[in-house]
PDB file of all heavy atoms in Angstrom:
ATOM      1  N   ASN A   1      -6.214 -11.951 -66.050  1.00  0.00           N
ATOM      2  CA  ASN A   1      -7.527 -11.754 -66.663  1.00  0.00           C
ATOM      3  C   ASN A   1      -8.645 -11.572 -65.643  1.00  0.00           C
ATOM      4  O   ASN A   1      -9.819 -11.454 -66.020  1.00  0.00           O
ATOM      5  CB  ASN A   1      -7.859 -12.930 -67.592  1.00  0.00           C
ATOM      6  CG  ASN A   1      -6.905 -12.999 -68.774  1.00  0.00           C
ATOM      7  OD1 ASN A   1      -6.518 -11.963 -69.313  1.00  0.00           O
ATOM      8  ND2 ASN A   1      -6.503 -14.201 -69.165  1.00  0.00           N
ATOM      9  N   ALA A   2      -8.299 -11.569 -64.376  1.00  0.00           N
ATOM     10  CA  ALA A   2      -9.316 -11.329 -63.337  1.00  0.00           C
ATOM     11  C   ALA A   2      -9.830  -9.902 -63.441  1.00  0.00           C
ATOM     12  O   ALA A   2      -9.112  -8.988 -63.851  1.00  0.00           O
ATOM     13  CB  ALA A   2      -8.718 -11.572 -61.959  1.00  0.00           C
ATOM     14  N   LYS A   3     -11.089  -9.713 -63.072  1.00  0.00           N
ATOM     15  CA  LYS A   3     -11.689  -8.383 -63.045  1.00  0.00           C
ATOM     16  C   LYS A   3     -11.673  -7.858 -61.605  1.00  0.00           C
ATOM     17  O   LYS A   3     -11.832  -8.633 -60.646  1.00  0.00           O
ATOM     18  CB  LYS A   3     -13.128  -8.429 -63.551  1.00  0.00           C
ATOM     19  CG  LYS A   3     -13.259  -8.924 -64.992  1.00  0.00           C
ATOM     20  CD  LYS A   3     -12.623  -7.961 -65.987  1.00  0.00           C
ATOM     21  CE  LYS A   3     -12.913  -8.376 -67.421  1.00  0.00           C
ATOM     22  NZ  LYS A   3     -12.302  -7.452 -68.391  1.00  0.00           N
ATOM     23  N   ILE A   4     -11.495  -6.558 -61.462  1.00  0.00           N
ATOM     24  CA  ILE A   4     -11.382  -5.948 -60.137  1.00  0.00           C
ATOM     25  C   ILE A   4     -12.304  -4.733 -60.054  1.00  0.00           C
ATOM     26  O   ILE A   4     -12.212  -3.826 -60.886  1.00  0.00           O
ATOM     27  CB  ILE A   4      -9.928  -5.526 -59.845  1.00  0.00           C
ATOM     28  CG1 ILE A   4      -8.998  -6.751 -59.896  1.00  0.00           C
ATOM     29  CG2 ILE A   4      -9.833  -4.836 -58.484  1.00  0.00           C
ATOM     30  CD1 ILE A   4      -7.531  -6.411 -59.762  1.00  0.00           C
ATOM     31  N   ILE A   5     -13.186  -4.745 -59.060  1.00  0.00           N
ATOM     32  CA  ILE A   5     -14.116  -3.635 -58.830  1.00  0.00           C
ATOM     33  C   ILE A   5     -13.797  -3.005 -57.478  1.00  0.00           C
ATOM     34  O   ILE A   5     -13.770  -3.694 -56.452  1.00  0.00           O
ATOM     35  CB  ILE A   5     -15.580  -4.119 -58.868  1.00  0.00           C
ATOM     36  CG1 ILE A   5     -15.924  -4.643 -60.276  1.00  0.00           C
ATOM     37  CG2 ILE A   5     -16.532  -2.995 -58.467  1.00  0.00           C
ATOM     38  CD1 ILE A   5     -17.303  -5.268 -60.383  1.00  0.00           C
ATOM     39  N   ASP A   6     -13.543  -1.716 -57.488  1.00  0.00           N
ATOM     40  CA  ASP A   6     -13.286  -0.958 -56.265  1.00  0.00           C
ATOM     41  C   ASP A   6     -14.603  -0.355 -55.788  1.00  0.00           C
ATOM     42  O   ASP A   6     -15.139   0.566 -56.400  1.00  0.00           O
ATOM     43  CB  ASP A   6     -12.250   0.144 -56.556  1.00  0.00           C
ATOM     44  CG  ASP A   6     -12.056   1.108 -55.390  1.00  0.00           C
ATOM     45  OD1 ASP A   6     -12.372   0.724 -54.250  1.00  0.00           O
ATOM     46  OD2 ASP A   6     -11.588   2.241 -55.629  1.00  0.00           O
ATOM     47  N   ALA A   7     -15.137  -0.911 -54.692  1.00  0.00           N
ATOM     48  CA  ALA A   7     -16.386  -0.395 -54.109  1.00  0.00           C
ATOM     49  C   ALA A   7     -16.035   0.780 -53.211  1.00  0.00           C
ATOM     50  O   ALA A   7     -15.412   0.599 -52.163  1.00  0.00           O
ATOM     51  CB  ALA A   7     -17.093  -1.491 -53.317  1.00  0.00           C
ATOM     52  N   ARG A   8     -16.416   1.980 -53.614  1.00  0.00           N
ATOM     53  CA  ARG A   8     -16.016   3.160 -52.859  1.00  0.00           C
ATOM     54  C   ARG A   8     -17.250   3.911 -52.357  1.00  0.00           C
ATOM     55  O   ARG A   8     -18.248   4.012 -53.043  1.00  0.00           O
ATOM     56  CB  ARG A   8     -15.146   4.088 -53.703  1.00  0.00           C
ATOM     57  CG  ARG A   8     -14.507   5.192 -52.857  1.00  0.00           C
ATOM     58  CD  ARG A   8     -13.405   5.911 -53.592  1.00  0.00           C
ATOM     59  NE  ARG A   8     -12.286   5.048 -53.921  1.00  0.00           N
ATOM     60  CZ  ARG A   8     -11.121   5.500 -54.388  1.00  0.00           C
ATOM     61  NH1 ARG A   8     -10.945   6.808 -54.574  1.00  0.00           N
ATOM     62  NH2 ARG A   8     -10.154   4.667 -54.675  1.00  0.00           N
ATOM     63  N   ARG A   9     -17.123   4.446 -51.163  1.00  0.00           N
ATOM     64  CA  ARG A   9     -18.223   5.159 -50.516  1.00  0.00           C
ATOM     65  C   ARG A   9     -17.702   6.476 -49.953  1.00  0.00           C
ATOM     66  O   ARG A   9     -16.504   6.592 -49.644  1.00  0.00           O
ATOM     67  CB  ARG A   9     -18.802   4.290 -49.388  1.00  0.00           C
ATOM     68  CG  ARG A   9     -20.052   4.837 -48.713  1.00  0.00           C
ATOM     69  CD  ARG A   9     -20.514   3.865 -47.637  1.00  0.00           C
ATOM     70  NE  ARG A   9     -21.684   4.342 -46.918  1.00  0.00           N
ATOM     71  CZ  ARG A   9     -22.183   3.775 -45.825  1.00  0.00           C
ATOM     72  NH1 ARG A   9     -21.602   2.696 -45.327  1.00  0.00           N
ATOM     73  NH2 ARG A   9     -23.256   4.271 -45.227  1.00  0.00           N
ATOM     74  N   ASP A  10     -18.568   7.442 -49.800  1.00  0.00           N
ATOM     75  CA  ASP A  10     -18.209   8.718 -49.195  1.00  0.00           C
ATOM     76  C   ASP A  10     -17.362   8.469 -47.952  1.00  0.00           C
ATOM     77  O   ASP A  10     -17.716   7.637 -47.107  1.00  0.00           O
ATOM     78  CB  ASP A  10     -19.485   9.471 -48.807  1.00  0.00           C
ATOM     79  CG  ASP A  10     -19.187  10.711 -47.982  1.00  0.00           C
ATOM     80  OD1 ASP A  10     -18.897  11.755 -48.585  1.00  0.00           O
ATOM     81  OD2 ASP A  10     -19.221  10.611 -46.733  1.00  0.00           O
ATOM     82  N   PRO A  11     -16.218   9.160 -47.807  1.00  0.00           N
ATOM     83  CA  PRO A  11     -15.299   8.834 -46.709  1.00  0.00           C
ATOM     84  C   PRO A  11     -15.909   8.949 -45.319  1.00  0.00           C
ATOM     85  O   PRO A  11     -15.652   8.102 -44.457  1.00  0.00           O
ATOM     86  CB  PRO A  11     -14.144   9.823 -46.901  1.00  0.00           C
ATOM     87  CG  PRO A  11     -14.598  10.834 -47.892  1.00  0.00           C
ATOM     88  CD  PRO A  11     -15.658  10.188 -48.711  1.00  0.00           C
ATOM     89  N   MET A  12     -16.710   9.971 -45.060  1.00  0.00           N
ATOM     90  CA  MET A  12     -17.299  10.104 -43.729  1.00  0.00           C
ATOM     91  C   MET A  12     -18.324   9.010 -43.468  1.00  0.00           C
ATOM     92  O   MET A  12     -18.359   8.406 -42.385  1.00  0.00           O
ATOM     93  CB  MET A  12     -17.924  11.490 -43.565  1.00  0.00           C
ATOM     94  CG  MET A  12     -16.931  12.636 -43.551  1.00  0.00           C
ATOM     95  SD  MET A  12     -15.799  12.611 -42.130  1.00  0.00           S
ATOM     96  CE  MET A  12     -16.903  13.040 -40.782  1.00  0.00           C
ATOM     97  N   ASP A  13     -19.178   8.741 -44.456  1.00  0.00           N
ATOM     98  CA  ASP A  13     -20.161   7.662 -44.307  1.00  0.00           C
ATOM     99  C   ASP A  13     -19.461   6.322 -44.080  1.00  0.00           C
ATOM    100  O   ASP A  13     -19.834   5.541 -43.197  1.00  0.00           O
ATOM    101  CB  ASP A  13     -21.039   7.564 -45.565  1.00  0.00           C
ATOM    102  CG  ASP A  13     -22.215   8.526 -45.528  1.00  0.00           C
ATOM    103  OD1 ASP A  13     -22.622   8.943 -44.435  1.00  0.00           O
ATOM    104  OD2 ASP A  13     -22.724   8.869 -46.617  1.00  0.00           O
ATOM    105  N   CYS A  14     -18.447   6.055 -44.907  1.00  0.00           N
ATOM    106  CA  CYS A  14     -17.762   4.764 -44.860  1.00  0.00           C
ATOM    107  C   CYS A  14     -17.027   4.590 -43.534  1.00  0.00           C
ATOM    108  O   CYS A  14     -17.166   3.557 -42.864  1.00  0.00           O
ATOM    109  CB  CYS A  14     -16.777   4.670 -46.023  1.00  0.00           C
ATOM    110  SG  CYS A  14     -15.993   3.050 -46.183  1.00  0.00           S
ATOM    111  N   CYS A  15     -16.259   5.591 -43.141  1.00  0.00           N
ATOM    112  CA  CYS A  15     -15.451   5.468 -41.929  1.00  0.00           C
ATOM    113  C   CYS A  15     -16.314   5.386 -40.677  1.00  0.00           C
ATOM    114  O   CYS A  15     -16.061   4.565 -39.786  1.00  0.00           O
ATOM    115  CB  CYS A  15     -14.473   6.631 -41.826  1.00  0.00           C
ATOM    116  SG  CYS A  15     -13.173   6.603 -43.079  1.00  0.00           S
ATOM    117  N   PHE A  16     -17.342   6.225 -40.595  1.00  0.00           N
ATOM    118  CA  PHE A  16     -18.162   6.194 -39.390  1.00  0.00           C
ATOM    119  C   PHE A  16     -18.975   4.900 -39.312  1.00  0.00           C
ATOM    120  O   PHE A  16     -19.171   4.342 -38.227  1.00  0.00           O
ATOM    121  CB  PHE A  16     -19.078   7.411 -39.306  1.00  0.00           C
ATOM    122  CG  PHE A  16     -19.784   7.508 -37.989  1.00  0.00           C
ATOM    123  CD1 PHE A  16     -19.054   7.602 -36.810  1.00  0.00           C
ATOM    124  CD2 PHE A  16     -21.162   7.482 -37.905  1.00  0.00           C
ATOM    125  CE1 PHE A  16     -19.691   7.669 -35.576  1.00  0.00           C
ATOM    126  CE2 PHE A  16     -21.807   7.552 -36.684  1.00  0.00           C
ATOM    127  CZ  PHE A  16     -21.071   7.646 -35.510  1.00  0.00           C
ATOM    128  N   SER A  17     -19.405   4.393 -40.464  1.00  0.00           N
ATOM    129  CA  SER A  17     -20.110   3.111 -40.474  1.00  0.00           C
ATOM    130  C   SER A  17     -19.190   1.994 -39.985  1.00  0.00           C
ATOM    131  O   SER A  17     -19.609   1.107 -39.237  1.00  0.00           O
ATOM    132  CB  SER A  17     -20.617   2.802 -41.887  1.00  0.00           C
ATOM    133  OG  SER A  17     -21.346   1.599 -41.897  1.00  0.00           O
ATOM    134  N   GLY A  18     -17.906   2.038 -40.391  1.00  0.00           N
ATOM    135  CA  GLY A  18     -16.950   1.053 -39.911  1.00  0.00           C
ATOM    136  C   GLY A  18     -16.698   1.179 -38.415  1.00  0.00           C
ATOM    137  O   GLY A  18     -16.567   0.175 -37.706  1.00  0.00           O
ATOM    138  N   PHE A  19     -16.630   2.406 -37.913  1.00  0.00           N
ATOM    139  CA  PHE A  19     -16.419   2.660 -36.492  1.00  0.00           C
ATOM    140  C   PHE A  19     -17.570   2.092 -35.655  1.00  0.00           C
ATOM    141  O   PHE A  19     -17.359   1.606 -34.536  1.00  0.00           O
ATOM    142  CB  PHE A  19     -16.309   4.173 -36.280  1.00  0.00           C
ATOM    143  CG  PHE A  19     -16.045   4.604 -34.865  1.00  0.00           C
ATOM    144  CD1 PHE A  19     -14.789   4.465 -34.300  1.00  0.00           C
ATOM    145  CD2 PHE A  19     -17.055   5.176 -34.104  1.00  0.00           C
ATOM    146  CE1 PHE A  19     -14.541   4.887 -32.992  1.00  0.00           C
ATOM    147  CE2 PHE A  19     -16.816   5.597 -32.800  1.00  0.00           C
ATOM    148  CZ  PHE A  19     -15.555   5.446 -32.245  1.00  0.00           C
ATOM    149  N   LYS A  20     -18.783   2.113 -36.197  1.00  0.00           N
ATOM    150  CA  LYS A  20     -19.955   1.611 -35.464  1.00  0.00           C
ATOM    151  C   LYS A  20     -20.080   0.093 -35.526  1.00  0.00           C
ATOM    152  O   LYS A  20     -20.863  -0.492 -34.782  1.00  0.00           O
ATOM    153  CB  LYS A  20     -21.241   2.213 -36.051  1.00  0.00           C
ATOM    154  CG  LYS A  20     -21.370   3.701 -35.878  1.00  0.00           C
ATOM    155  CD  LYS A  20     -22.766   4.184 -36.247  1.00  0.00           C
ATOM    156  CE  LYS A  20     -23.125   3.863 -37.687  1.00  0.00           C
ATOM    157  NZ  LYS A  20     -24.486   4.293 -38.031  1.00  0.00           N
ATOM    158  N   GLN A  21     -19.317  -0.547 -36.423  1.00  0.00           N
ATOM    159  CA  GLN A  21     -19.470  -1.984 -36.658  1.00  0.00           C
ATOM    160  C   GLN A  21     -18.421  -2.766 -35.879  1.00  0.00           C
ATOM    161  O   GLN A  21     -17.235  -2.461 -35.959  1.00  0.00           O
ATOM    162  CB  GLN A  21     -19.313  -2.292 -38.155  1.00  0.00           C
ATOM    163  CG  GLN A  21     -19.463  -3.760 -38.515  1.00  0.00           C
ATOM    164  CD  GLN A  21     -20.872  -4.261 -38.311  1.00  0.00           C
ATOM    165  OE1 GLN A  21     -21.830  -3.575 -38.652  1.00  0.00           O
ATOM    166  NE2 GLN A  21     -21.010  -5.446 -37.759  1.00  0.00           N
ATOM    167  N   LEU A  22     -18.842  -3.753 -35.132  1.00  0.00           N
ATOM    168  CA  LEU A  22     -17.910  -4.643 -34.447  1.00  0.00           C
ATOM    169  C   LEU A  22     -17.645  -5.839 -35.353  1.00  0.00           C
ATOM    170  O   LEU A  22     -18.497  -6.717 -35.503  1.00  0.00           O
ATOM    171  CB  LEU A  22     -18.490  -5.108 -33.107  1.00  0.00           C
ATOM    172  CG  LEU A  22     -17.652  -6.117 -32.319  1.00  0.00           C
ATOM    173  CD1 LEU A  22     -16.273  -5.557 -32.003  1.00  0.00           C
ATOM    174  CD2 LEU A  22     -18.374  -6.521 -31.039  1.00  0.00           C
ATOM    175  N   PHE A  23     -16.481  -5.865 -35.964  1.00  0.00           N
ATOM    176  CA  PHE A  23     -16.145  -6.947 -36.888  1.00  0.00           C
ATOM    177  C   PHE A  23     -15.613  -8.146 -36.115  1.00  0.00           C
ATOM    178  O   PHE A  23     -14.971  -8.003 -35.069  1.00  0.00           O
ATOM    179  CB  PHE A  23     -15.106  -6.477 -37.905  1.00  0.00           C
ATOM    180  CG  PHE A  23     -15.620  -5.438 -38.854  1.00  0.00           C
ATOM    181  CD1 PHE A  23     -15.411  -4.089 -38.609  1.00  0.00           C
ATOM    182  CD2 PHE A  23     -16.338  -5.799 -39.985  1.00  0.00           C
ATOM    183  CE1 PHE A  23     -15.899  -3.120 -39.472  1.00  0.00           C
ATOM    184  CE2 PHE A  23     -16.829  -4.841 -40.851  1.00  0.00           C
ATOM    185  CZ  PHE A  23     -16.607  -3.495 -40.592  1.00  0.00           C
ATOM    186  N   ALA A  24     -15.857  -9.337 -36.674  1.00  0.00           N
ATOM    187  CA  ALA A  24     -15.405 -10.561 -36.010  1.00  0.00           C
ATOM    188  C   ALA A  24     -13.887 -10.604 -35.921  1.00  0.00           C
ATOM    189  O   ALA A  24     -13.308 -10.951 -34.892  1.00  0.00           O
ATOM    190  CB  ALA A  24     -15.941 -11.786 -36.751  1.00  0.00           C
ATOM    191  N   GLU A  25     -13.200 -10.264 -36.999  1.00  0.00           N
ATOM    192  CA  GLU A  25     -11.744 -10.264 -37.014  1.00  0.00           C
ATOM    193  C   GLU A  25     -11.257  -9.599 -38.286  1.00  0.00           C
ATOM    194  O   GLU A  25     -11.995  -9.431 -39.254  1.00  0.00           O
ATOM    195  CB  GLU A  25     -11.194 -11.693 -36.948  1.00  0.00           C
ATOM    196  CG  GLU A  25     -11.667 -12.590 -38.064  1.00  0.00           C
ATOM    197  CD  GLU A  25     -11.195 -14.033 -37.918  1.00  0.00           C
ATOM    198  OE1 GLU A  25     -10.692 -14.397 -36.839  1.00  0.00           O
ATOM    199  OE2 GLU A  25     -11.329 -14.788 -38.880  1.00  0.00           O
ATOM    200  N   GLY A  26      -9.995  -9.193 -38.267  1.00  0.00           N
ATOM    201  CA  GLY A  26      -9.333  -8.748 -39.486  1.00  0.00           C
ATOM    202  C   GLY A  26      -9.501  -7.284 -39.853  1.00  0.00           C
ATOM    203  O   GLY A  26      -8.949  -6.844 -40.857  1.00  0.00           O
ATOM    204  N   GLN A  27     -10.277  -6.503 -39.080  1.00  0.00           N
ATOM    205  CA  GLN A  27     -10.483  -5.088 -39.436  1.00  0.00           C
ATOM    206  C   GLN A  27     -10.163  -4.214 -38.226  1.00  0.00           C
ATOM    207  O   GLN A  27     -10.940  -3.341 -37.838  1.00  0.00           O
ATOM    208  CB  GLN A  27     -11.944  -4.861 -39.903  1.00  0.00           C
ATOM    209  CG  GLN A  27     -12.462  -5.844 -40.934  1.00  0.00           C
ATOM    210  CD  GLN A  27     -11.731  -5.777 -42.269  1.00  0.00           C
ATOM    211  OE1 GLN A  27     -10.810  -4.995 -42.444  1.00  0.00           O
ATOM    212  NE2 GLN A  27     -12.136  -6.601 -43.219  1.00  0.00           N
TER     213      GLN A  27
END
């Protein structure tokens, strides 16, 4: 009965934003 929301963003925006971000761990 849990609800699930898929947060999706334009692939180029999403990927390049991730590339610019230094994550603490796990990514």
